C-alpha cells in the first residue's frame, strides 16, 4: 500500500473517530486509491442516504463534496485539512438507490499557501456522471501541523515527516 493511501486513510479514520457528521452520514465510505492530489472512493448507498422519493439525497452529495475535498487536501500530506470557504454541487441525474455503489473522485485543482481548490466527480455503477462539486478550503494555518508529511511525487514514500503504518 502506498504511503499516500495509508496517510489519507489515517486522516479519514480521524474523521470517523471524531464521531461527528461524517461518522453519522457515511461511515461505510471506503477510500480505494489515493495519490498526491487525488482520492478515489466508493460508498454503498444505505436507506439513511435517501430522500423521500427513494434516491440519494442531494444533501449527501453536498456533504460528500465537502468531506472528499478535505481528503484530497489530505492526499497532499496535510493532516489538518483546513476549513471550508465555499462548497458548490451540481446535480446531473439521480445518484442511485439502496444497495447501489456511488463512486467519487476528488482532485486538487490548485493548492496555494492559503487556499486549496478541489473538484469532486460522482459516478454511478453504469459509469455515468451523476453530480460534481467544487470545494474551496482555507489551509493557511493547517499546513504547519506536526502530523503532516511530504510524499514522493508518486505518493509511494514519505520523504518528510513520520510514516505511521
N, C-alpha and C. Protein backbone atom coordinates (compact mmCIF):
# COMPACT_ATOMS: atom_id res chain seq x y z
N UNK A 1 0.85 -1.18 0.00
CA UNK A 1 0.00 0.00 0.00
C UNK A 1 0.90 1.24 0.00
N UNK A 2 0.55 2.22 -0.81
CA UNK A 2 1.35 3.43 -0.89
C UNK A 2 1.26 4.24 0.40
N UNK A 3 2.27 5.04 0.64
CA UNK A 3 2.27 5.92 1.81
C UNK A 3 1.12 6.91 1.74
N UNK A 4 0.82 7.39 0.55
CA UNK A 4 -0.27 8.37 0.38
C UNK A 4 -1.62 7.74 0.75
N UNK A 5 -1.87 6.52 0.30
CA UNK A 5 -3.12 5.84 0.65
C UNK A 5 -3.20 5.59 2.14
N UNK A 6 -2.10 5.12 2.74
CA UNK A 6 -2.07 4.88 4.20
C UNK A 6 -2.39 6.16 4.95
N UNK A 7 -1.73 7.25 4.58
CA UNK A 7 -1.91 8.52 5.27
C UNK A 7 -3.34 9.04 5.11
N UNK A 8 -3.85 9.01 3.89
CA UNK A 8 -5.20 9.52 3.65
C UNK A 8 -6.23 8.70 4.41
N UNK A 9 -6.05 7.40 4.47
CA UNK A 9 -6.95 6.55 5.27
C UNK A 9 -6.84 6.88 6.76
N UNK A 10 -5.64 7.23 7.22
CA UNK A 10 -5.47 7.59 8.63
C UNK A 10 -6.22 8.89 8.93
N UNK A 11 -6.16 9.85 8.02
CA UNK A 11 -6.91 11.10 8.20
C UNK A 11 -8.41 10.79 8.21
N UNK A 12 -8.87 9.94 7.28
CA UNK A 12 -10.29 9.56 7.25
C UNK A 12 -10.69 8.90 8.56
N UNK A 13 -9.84 8.03 9.10
CA UNK A 13 -10.13 7.37 10.38
C UNK A 13 -10.29 8.42 11.48
N UNK A 14 -9.50 9.48 11.44
CA UNK A 14 -9.64 10.53 12.46
C UNK A 14 -10.99 11.23 12.32
N UNK A 15 -11.51 11.37 11.09
CA UNK A 15 -12.84 11.93 10.89
C UNK A 15 -13.89 11.02 11.55
N UNK A 16 -13.79 9.73 11.30
CA UNK A 16 -14.75 8.75 11.84
C UNK A 16 -14.63 8.67 13.37
N UNK A 17 -13.40 8.62 13.87
CA UNK A 17 -13.19 8.52 15.32
C UNK A 17 -13.75 9.73 16.07
N UNK A 18 -13.89 10.85 15.39
CA UNK A 18 -14.47 12.05 15.98
C UNK A 18 -15.95 11.86 16.32
N UNK A 19 -16.58 10.88 15.67
CA UNK A 19 -17.99 10.51 15.89
C UNK A 19 -18.95 11.66 15.55
N UNK A 20 -18.54 12.52 14.65
CA UNK A 20 -19.37 13.64 14.25
C UNK A 20 -20.16 13.34 12.99
N UNK A 21 -20.33 14.35 12.18
CA UNK A 21 -21.16 14.29 10.98
C UNK A 21 -20.77 13.15 10.04
N UNK A 22 -19.49 13.04 9.71
CA UNK A 22 -19.05 12.02 8.75
C UNK A 22 -19.38 10.61 9.24
N UNK A 23 -19.15 10.35 10.51
CA UNK A 23 -19.44 9.03 11.07
C UNK A 23 -20.93 8.72 11.04
N UNK A 24 -21.76 9.74 11.15
CA UNK A 24 -23.21 9.54 11.14
C UNK A 24 -23.75 9.38 9.72
N UNK A 25 -23.19 10.10 8.78
CA UNK A 25 -23.77 10.16 7.43
C UNK A 25 -23.21 9.14 6.45
N UNK A 26 -21.94 8.83 6.54
CA UNK A 26 -21.35 7.86 5.61
C UNK A 26 -20.19 7.10 6.25
N UNK A 27 -20.52 6.33 7.30
CA UNK A 27 -19.48 5.56 7.98
C UNK A 27 -18.89 4.46 7.10
N UNK A 28 -19.60 4.08 6.06
CA UNK A 28 -19.13 2.99 5.20
C UNK A 28 -18.37 3.48 3.96
N UNK A 29 -17.98 4.74 3.94
CA UNK A 29 -17.17 5.26 2.85
C UNK A 29 -15.82 4.54 2.84
N UNK A 30 -15.39 4.11 1.65
CA UNK A 30 -14.12 3.40 1.52
C UNK A 30 -13.22 4.19 0.56
N UNK A 31 -12.01 4.46 1.01
CA UNK A 31 -11.01 5.08 0.13
C UNK A 31 -10.33 3.93 -0.61
N UNK A 32 -10.50 3.89 -1.91
CA UNK A 32 -9.95 2.78 -2.70
C UNK A 32 -8.57 3.09 -3.26
N UNK A 33 -8.28 4.38 -3.44
CA UNK A 33 -6.99 4.76 -4.02
C UNK A 33 -6.70 6.20 -3.62
N UNK A 34 -5.43 6.49 -3.39
CA UNK A 34 -5.01 7.87 -3.12
C UNK A 34 -3.62 8.08 -3.68
N UNK A 35 -3.48 9.12 -4.46
CA UNK A 35 -2.19 9.60 -4.94
C UNK A 35 -2.16 11.09 -4.62
N UNK A 36 -1.00 11.70 -4.57
CA UNK A 36 -0.96 13.12 -4.20
C UNK A 36 -1.86 13.98 -5.09
N UNK A 37 -2.91 14.52 -4.47
CA UNK A 37 -3.84 15.37 -5.18
C UNK A 37 -5.08 14.68 -5.71
N UNK A 38 -5.21 13.38 -5.48
CA UNK A 38 -6.39 12.65 -5.97
C UNK A 38 -6.77 11.53 -5.01
N UNK A 39 -8.07 11.43 -4.75
CA UNK A 39 -8.61 10.37 -3.89
C UNK A 39 -9.81 9.74 -4.59
N UNK A 40 -9.81 8.41 -4.68
CA UNK A 40 -10.94 7.65 -5.24
C UNK A 40 -11.65 6.94 -4.10
N UNK A 41 -12.98 7.02 -4.09
CA UNK A 41 -13.76 6.41 -3.02
C UNK A 41 -14.97 5.68 -3.59
N UNK A 42 -15.57 4.87 -2.72
CA UNK A 42 -16.86 4.26 -3.06
C UNK A 42 -17.71 4.25 -1.80
N UNK A 43 -19.01 4.33 -2.03
CA UNK A 43 -19.97 4.35 -0.92
C UNK A 43 -21.17 3.51 -1.32
N UNK A 44 -21.46 2.48 -0.55
CA UNK A 44 -22.67 1.69 -0.76
C UNK A 44 -23.83 2.48 -0.17
N UNK A 45 -24.86 2.69 -0.97
CA UNK A 45 -26.00 3.50 -0.55
C UNK A 45 -26.86 2.72 0.45
N UNK A 46 -27.13 3.37 1.57
CA UNK A 46 -27.94 2.79 2.64
C UNK A 46 -29.27 3.54 2.71
N UNK A 47 -30.27 2.97 3.38
CA UNK A 47 -31.57 3.65 3.49
C UNK A 47 -31.49 5.07 4.06
N UNK A 48 -30.58 5.30 4.99
CA UNK A 48 -30.46 6.62 5.60
C UNK A 48 -29.81 7.65 4.65
N UNK A 49 -29.36 7.23 3.46
CA UNK A 49 -28.78 8.13 2.46
C UNK A 49 -29.81 8.65 1.46
N UNK A 50 -31.08 8.25 1.62
CA UNK A 50 -32.10 8.54 0.61
C UNK A 50 -32.96 9.76 0.94
N UNK A 51 -33.54 10.31 -0.12
CA UNK A 51 -34.56 11.33 0.04
C UNK A 51 -35.93 10.64 0.08
N UNK A 52 -37.00 11.38 0.11
CA UNK A 52 -38.32 10.76 0.26
C UNK A 52 -38.83 10.07 -1.00
N UNK A 53 -38.17 10.26 -2.14
CA UNK A 53 -38.59 9.54 -3.35
C UNK A 53 -37.72 8.30 -3.61
N UNK A 54 -36.82 8.00 -2.67
CA UNK A 54 -36.07 6.75 -2.74
C UNK A 54 -34.75 6.79 -3.48
N UNK A 55 -34.27 7.99 -3.80
CA UNK A 55 -32.95 8.10 -4.43
C UNK A 55 -32.01 8.86 -3.49
N UNK A 56 -30.73 8.85 -3.83
CA UNK A 56 -29.73 9.50 -2.98
C UNK A 56 -30.11 10.97 -2.74
N UNK A 57 -30.08 11.37 -1.49
CA UNK A 57 -30.41 12.74 -1.09
C UNK A 57 -29.31 13.68 -1.57
N UNK A 58 -29.71 14.82 -2.12
CA UNK A 58 -28.75 15.83 -2.57
C UNK A 58 -27.83 16.31 -1.47
N UNK A 59 -28.35 16.34 -0.24
CA UNK A 59 -27.52 16.76 0.88
C UNK A 59 -26.36 15.82 1.13
N UNK A 60 -26.56 14.53 0.83
CA UNK A 60 -25.46 13.57 0.96
C UNK A 60 -24.36 13.92 -0.03
N UNK A 61 -24.74 14.21 -1.27
CA UNK A 61 -23.76 14.56 -2.30
C UNK A 61 -23.03 15.84 -1.91
N UNK A 62 -23.76 16.82 -1.41
CA UNK A 62 -23.12 18.08 -1.00
C UNK A 62 -22.17 17.85 0.17
N UNK A 63 -22.60 17.06 1.12
CA UNK A 63 -21.75 16.77 2.27
C UNK A 63 -20.50 16.00 1.84
N UNK A 64 -20.68 15.05 0.92
CA UNK A 64 -19.52 14.30 0.42
C UNK A 64 -18.58 15.22 -0.35
N UNK A 65 -19.10 16.21 -1.05
CA UNK A 65 -18.24 17.17 -1.74
C UNK A 65 -17.32 17.85 -0.73
N UNK A 66 -17.86 18.22 0.39
CA UNK A 66 -17.08 18.86 1.46
C UNK A 66 -16.04 17.88 2.01
N UNK A 67 -16.46 16.71 2.41
CA UNK A 67 -15.56 15.75 3.03
C UNK A 67 -14.49 15.25 2.07
N UNK A 68 -14.88 14.93 0.85
CA UNK A 68 -13.91 14.40 -0.11
C UNK A 68 -12.94 15.47 -0.58
N UNK A 69 -13.39 16.73 -0.64
CA UNK A 69 -12.45 17.81 -0.90
C UNK A 69 -11.39 17.88 0.19
N UNK A 70 -11.82 17.68 1.42
CA UNK A 70 -10.86 17.64 2.54
C UNK A 70 -9.89 16.48 2.39
N UNK A 71 -10.38 15.32 1.99
CA UNK A 71 -9.49 14.17 1.82
C UNK A 71 -8.52 14.37 0.66
N UNK A 72 -8.93 15.12 -0.36
CA UNK A 72 -7.99 15.46 -1.44
C UNK A 72 -6.84 16.29 -0.88
N UNK A 73 -7.15 17.23 0.02
CA UNK A 73 -6.10 18.01 0.69
C UNK A 73 -5.21 17.08 1.50
N UNK A 74 -5.80 16.13 2.20
CA UNK A 74 -5.01 15.17 2.98
C UNK A 74 -4.07 14.38 2.08
N UNK A 75 -4.52 14.07 0.87
CA UNK A 75 -3.67 13.28 -0.03
C UNK A 75 -2.40 14.02 -0.45
N UNK A 76 -2.34 15.30 -0.16
CA UNK A 76 -1.12 16.08 -0.39
C UNK A 76 -0.24 16.11 0.85
N UNK A 77 -0.63 15.34 1.89
CA UNK A 77 0.19 15.22 3.10
C UNK A 77 -0.24 16.11 4.25
N UNK A 78 -1.36 16.80 4.12
CA UNK A 78 -1.82 17.68 5.20
C UNK A 78 -2.77 16.93 6.13
N UNK A 79 -2.34 16.75 7.37
CA UNK A 79 -3.17 16.04 8.34
C UNK A 79 -4.40 16.87 8.72
N UNK A 80 -4.20 18.15 8.97
CA UNK A 80 -5.32 19.05 9.21
C UNK A 80 -5.69 19.64 7.86
N UNK A 81 -6.95 19.54 7.49
CA UNK A 81 -7.33 19.83 6.11
C UNK A 81 -7.99 21.19 5.92
N UNK A 82 -7.88 22.06 6.91
CA UNK A 82 -8.38 23.42 6.77
C UNK A 82 -9.87 23.55 7.02
N UNK A 83 -10.39 24.70 6.66
CA UNK A 83 -11.81 24.99 6.85
C UNK A 83 -12.41 25.43 5.51
N UNK A 84 -13.66 25.10 5.33
CA UNK A 84 -14.34 25.41 4.08
C UNK A 84 -14.63 26.90 3.96
N UNK A 85 -14.42 27.42 2.77
CA UNK A 85 -14.83 28.79 2.48
C UNK A 85 -15.94 28.81 1.43
N UNK A 86 -16.04 27.74 0.65
CA UNK A 86 -17.07 27.66 -0.39
C UNK A 86 -17.26 26.21 -0.80
N UNK A 87 -18.52 25.80 -0.92
CA UNK A 87 -18.85 24.46 -1.41
C UNK A 87 -20.01 24.61 -2.39
N UNK A 88 -19.89 23.96 -3.53
CA UNK A 88 -20.94 24.03 -4.55
C UNK A 88 -21.09 22.66 -5.19
N UNK A 89 -22.32 22.28 -5.47
CA UNK A 89 -22.57 20.99 -6.10
C UNK A 89 -23.62 21.15 -7.19
N UNK A 90 -23.39 20.49 -8.31
CA UNK A 90 -24.35 20.45 -9.41
C UNK A 90 -24.81 19.01 -9.60
N UNK A 91 -26.12 18.85 -9.76
CA UNK A 91 -26.72 17.53 -9.89
C UNK A 91 -27.09 17.28 -11.34
N UNK A 92 -26.65 16.15 -11.87
CA UNK A 92 -26.85 15.82 -13.28
C UNK A 92 -28.00 14.83 -13.46
N UNK A 93 -28.03 13.80 -12.61
CA UNK A 93 -29.08 12.78 -12.67
C UNK A 93 -29.15 12.09 -11.32
N UNK A 94 -30.20 11.30 -11.05
CA UNK A 94 -30.27 10.58 -9.77
C UNK A 94 -29.01 9.73 -9.55
N UNK A 95 -28.55 9.72 -8.31
CA UNK A 95 -27.27 9.09 -8.00
C UNK A 95 -27.38 7.64 -7.55
N UNK A 96 -28.58 7.11 -7.42
CA UNK A 96 -28.69 5.71 -7.05
C UNK A 96 -29.74 5.46 -5.99
N UNK A 97 -29.90 4.17 -5.72
CA UNK A 97 -30.86 3.68 -4.73
C UNK A 97 -30.15 2.77 -3.74
N UNK A 98 -30.86 2.30 -2.74
CA UNK A 98 -30.28 1.42 -1.73
C UNK A 98 -29.59 0.24 -2.40
N UNK A 99 -28.38 -0.03 -1.94
CA UNK A 99 -27.59 -1.15 -2.46
C UNK A 99 -26.67 -0.77 -3.60
N UNK A 100 -26.94 0.33 -4.29
CA UNK A 100 -26.05 0.78 -5.35
C UNK A 100 -24.75 1.29 -4.75
N UNK A 101 -23.71 1.31 -5.56
CA UNK A 101 -22.42 1.87 -5.14
C UNK A 101 -22.22 3.18 -5.89
N UNK A 102 -21.94 4.23 -5.13
CA UNK A 102 -21.63 5.53 -5.68
C UNK A 102 -20.12 5.72 -5.60
N UNK A 103 -19.50 5.93 -6.75
CA UNK A 103 -18.06 6.17 -6.81
C UNK A 103 -17.81 7.67 -6.89
N UNK A 104 -16.72 8.10 -6.29
CA UNK A 104 -16.37 9.52 -6.34
C UNK A 104 -14.86 9.67 -6.45
N UNK A 105 -14.47 10.67 -7.21
CA UNK A 105 -13.06 11.03 -7.34
C UNK A 105 -12.92 12.50 -6.97
N UNK A 106 -12.06 12.75 -5.99
CA UNK A 106 -11.78 14.12 -5.55
C UNK A 106 -10.38 14.48 -5.99
N UNK A 107 -10.24 15.65 -6.62
CA UNK A 107 -8.93 16.08 -7.08
C UNK A 107 -8.66 17.51 -6.62
N UNK A 108 -7.40 17.80 -6.40
CA UNK A 108 -6.96 19.16 -6.11
C UNK A 108 -6.79 19.85 -7.46
N UNK A 109 -7.47 20.95 -7.66
CA UNK A 109 -7.27 21.70 -8.90
C UNK A 109 -6.22 22.79 -8.71
N UNK A 110 -6.03 23.25 -7.48
CA UNK A 110 -4.96 24.19 -7.15
C UNK A 110 -4.75 24.17 -5.64
N UNK A 111 -3.49 24.29 -5.24
CA UNK A 111 -3.16 24.32 -3.81
C UNK A 111 -2.08 25.37 -3.61
N UNK A 112 -2.46 26.44 -2.90
CA UNK A 112 -1.52 27.51 -2.60
C UNK A 112 -1.19 27.53 -1.13
N UNK A 113 -0.59 28.62 -0.68
CA UNK A 113 -0.22 28.75 0.73
C UNK A 113 -1.43 28.90 1.63
N UNK A 114 -2.50 29.52 1.10
CA UNK A 114 -3.67 29.78 1.93
C UNK A 114 -4.93 29.07 1.48
N UNK A 115 -5.08 28.80 0.20
CA UNK A 115 -6.31 28.20 -0.31
C UNK A 115 -6.04 26.93 -1.10
N UNK A 116 -6.98 26.00 -0.96
CA UNK A 116 -6.99 24.77 -1.76
C UNK A 116 -8.30 24.74 -2.52
N UNK A 117 -8.23 24.37 -3.78
CA UNK A 117 -9.42 24.26 -4.63
C UNK A 117 -9.54 22.82 -5.08
N UNK A 118 -10.73 22.25 -4.90
CA UNK A 118 -10.93 20.85 -5.25
C UNK A 118 -12.16 20.68 -6.12
N UNK A 119 -12.20 19.56 -6.83
CA UNK A 119 -13.37 19.16 -7.60
C UNK A 119 -13.65 17.70 -7.26
N UNK A 120 -14.93 17.38 -7.12
CA UNK A 120 -15.34 16.01 -6.83
C UNK A 120 -16.34 15.59 -7.90
N UNK A 121 -16.05 14.47 -8.57
CA UNK A 121 -16.96 13.89 -9.56
C UNK A 121 -17.60 12.64 -8.97
N UNK A 122 -18.91 12.54 -9.11
CA UNK A 122 -19.67 11.39 -8.60
C UNK A 122 -20.16 10.57 -9.79
N UNK A 123 -19.87 9.29 -9.77
CA UNK A 123 -20.14 8.39 -10.89
C UNK A 123 -20.97 7.20 -10.38
N UNK A 124 -22.03 6.86 -11.11
CA UNK A 124 -22.84 5.70 -10.71
C UNK A 124 -22.21 4.40 -11.22
N UNK A 125 -22.85 3.28 -10.91
CA UNK A 125 -22.30 1.97 -11.28
C UNK A 125 -22.24 1.77 -12.79
N UNK A 126 -23.04 2.51 -13.54
CA UNK A 126 -23.02 2.42 -15.01
C UNK A 126 -21.92 3.28 -15.62
N UNK A 127 -21.22 4.04 -14.79
CA UNK A 127 -20.16 4.90 -15.29
C UNK A 127 -20.61 6.30 -15.68
N UNK A 128 -21.86 6.64 -15.35
CA UNK A 128 -22.42 7.95 -15.69
C UNK A 128 -22.08 8.98 -14.60
N UNK A 129 -21.76 10.20 -15.03
CA UNK A 129 -21.59 11.30 -14.10
C UNK A 129 -22.97 11.66 -13.56
N UNK A 130 -23.13 11.62 -12.23
CA UNK A 130 -24.43 11.94 -11.63
C UNK A 130 -24.41 13.30 -10.93
N UNK A 131 -23.23 13.75 -10.54
CA UNK A 131 -23.09 15.06 -9.89
C UNK A 131 -21.62 15.42 -9.87
N UNK A 132 -21.36 16.71 -9.67
CA UNK A 132 -19.99 17.16 -9.47
C UNK A 132 -20.03 18.37 -8.55
N UNK A 133 -18.95 18.53 -7.82
CA UNK A 133 -18.91 19.64 -6.89
C UNK A 133 -17.54 20.27 -6.84
N UNK A 134 -17.51 21.49 -6.32
CA UNK A 134 -16.25 22.16 -6.06
C UNK A 134 -16.21 22.58 -4.60
N UNK A 135 -15.01 22.66 -4.09
CA UNK A 135 -14.84 22.94 -2.67
C UNK A 135 -13.57 23.77 -2.51
N UNK A 136 -13.70 24.91 -1.88
CA UNK A 136 -12.55 25.75 -1.58
C UNK A 136 -12.31 25.70 -0.08
N UNK A 137 -11.03 25.56 0.30
CA UNK A 137 -10.68 25.45 1.71
C UNK A 137 -9.57 26.44 2.05
N UNK A 138 -9.67 27.04 3.22
CA UNK A 138 -8.58 27.83 3.75
C UNK A 138 -7.64 26.86 4.46
N UNK A 139 -6.41 26.77 4.00
CA UNK A 139 -5.44 25.82 4.56
C UNK A 139 -4.22 26.52 5.15
N UNK A 140 -4.26 27.84 5.25
CA UNK A 140 -3.10 28.62 5.68
C UNK A 140 -2.50 28.20 7.00
N UNK A 141 -3.32 27.94 7.98
CA UNK A 141 -2.80 27.56 9.30
C UNK A 141 -2.63 26.05 9.45
N UNK A 142 -3.31 25.27 8.64
CA UNK A 142 -3.28 23.82 8.80
C UNK A 142 -2.04 23.18 8.22
N UNK A 143 -1.38 23.83 7.28
CA UNK A 143 -0.24 23.21 6.60
C UNK A 143 0.95 22.98 7.52
N UNK A 144 1.01 23.66 8.65
CA UNK A 144 2.15 23.51 9.56
C UNK A 144 1.90 22.48 10.67
N UNK A 145 0.81 21.72 10.58
CA UNK A 145 0.53 20.71 11.61
C UNK A 145 1.67 19.70 11.68
N UNK A 146 2.12 19.34 12.89
CA UNK A 146 3.25 18.41 13.01
C UNK A 146 2.97 17.00 12.49
N UNK A 147 1.72 16.65 12.30
CA UNK A 147 1.39 15.32 11.76
C UNK A 147 1.42 15.29 10.24
N UNK A 148 1.62 16.44 9.60
CA UNK A 148 1.66 16.49 8.15
C UNK A 148 2.95 15.86 7.63
N UNK A 149 2.91 15.43 6.38
CA UNK A 149 4.06 14.77 5.75
C UNK A 149 4.24 15.31 4.34
N UNK A 150 5.35 14.95 3.72
CA UNK A 150 5.57 15.21 2.30
C UNK A 150 5.83 13.86 1.64
N UNK A 151 5.18 13.66 0.50
CA UNK A 151 5.30 12.40 -0.24
C UNK A 151 6.27 12.55 -1.41
N UNK A 152 6.78 11.41 -1.86
CA UNK A 152 7.46 11.38 -3.14
C UNK A 152 6.42 11.76 -4.19
N UNK A 153 6.85 12.13 -5.38
CA UNK A 153 5.93 12.59 -6.41
C UNK A 153 4.82 11.59 -6.70
N UNK A 154 5.14 10.29 -6.66
CA UNK A 154 4.14 9.25 -6.94
C UNK A 154 3.33 8.84 -5.72
N UNK A 155 3.70 9.36 -4.54
CA UNK A 155 2.97 9.05 -3.31
C UNK A 155 3.34 7.72 -2.68
N UNK A 156 4.32 7.05 -3.22
CA UNK A 156 4.70 5.73 -2.69
C UNK A 156 5.42 5.82 -1.35
N UNK A 157 6.19 6.90 -1.13
CA UNK A 157 7.00 7.02 0.07
C UNK A 157 6.80 8.37 0.73
N UNK A 158 6.98 8.40 2.04
CA UNK A 158 7.05 9.66 2.78
C UNK A 158 8.50 10.11 2.73
N UNK A 159 8.72 11.35 2.30
CA UNK A 159 10.09 11.84 2.22
C UNK A 159 10.39 12.86 3.32
N UNK A 160 9.33 13.34 3.99
CA UNK A 160 9.47 14.22 5.15
C UNK A 160 8.35 13.95 6.11
N UNK A 161 8.68 13.81 7.40
CA UNK A 161 7.66 13.52 8.40
C UNK A 161 7.61 12.03 8.71
N UNK A 162 6.70 11.64 9.60
CA UNK A 162 6.61 10.26 10.08
C UNK A 162 5.61 9.46 9.24
N UNK A 163 6.07 8.33 8.73
CA UNK A 163 5.19 7.41 8.01
C UNK A 163 4.68 6.37 8.99
N UNK A 164 3.50 6.62 9.54
CA UNK A 164 2.93 5.74 10.54
C UNK A 164 2.13 4.65 9.82
N UNK A 165 2.50 3.41 10.10
CA UNK A 165 1.80 2.30 9.43
C UNK A 165 0.66 1.77 10.24
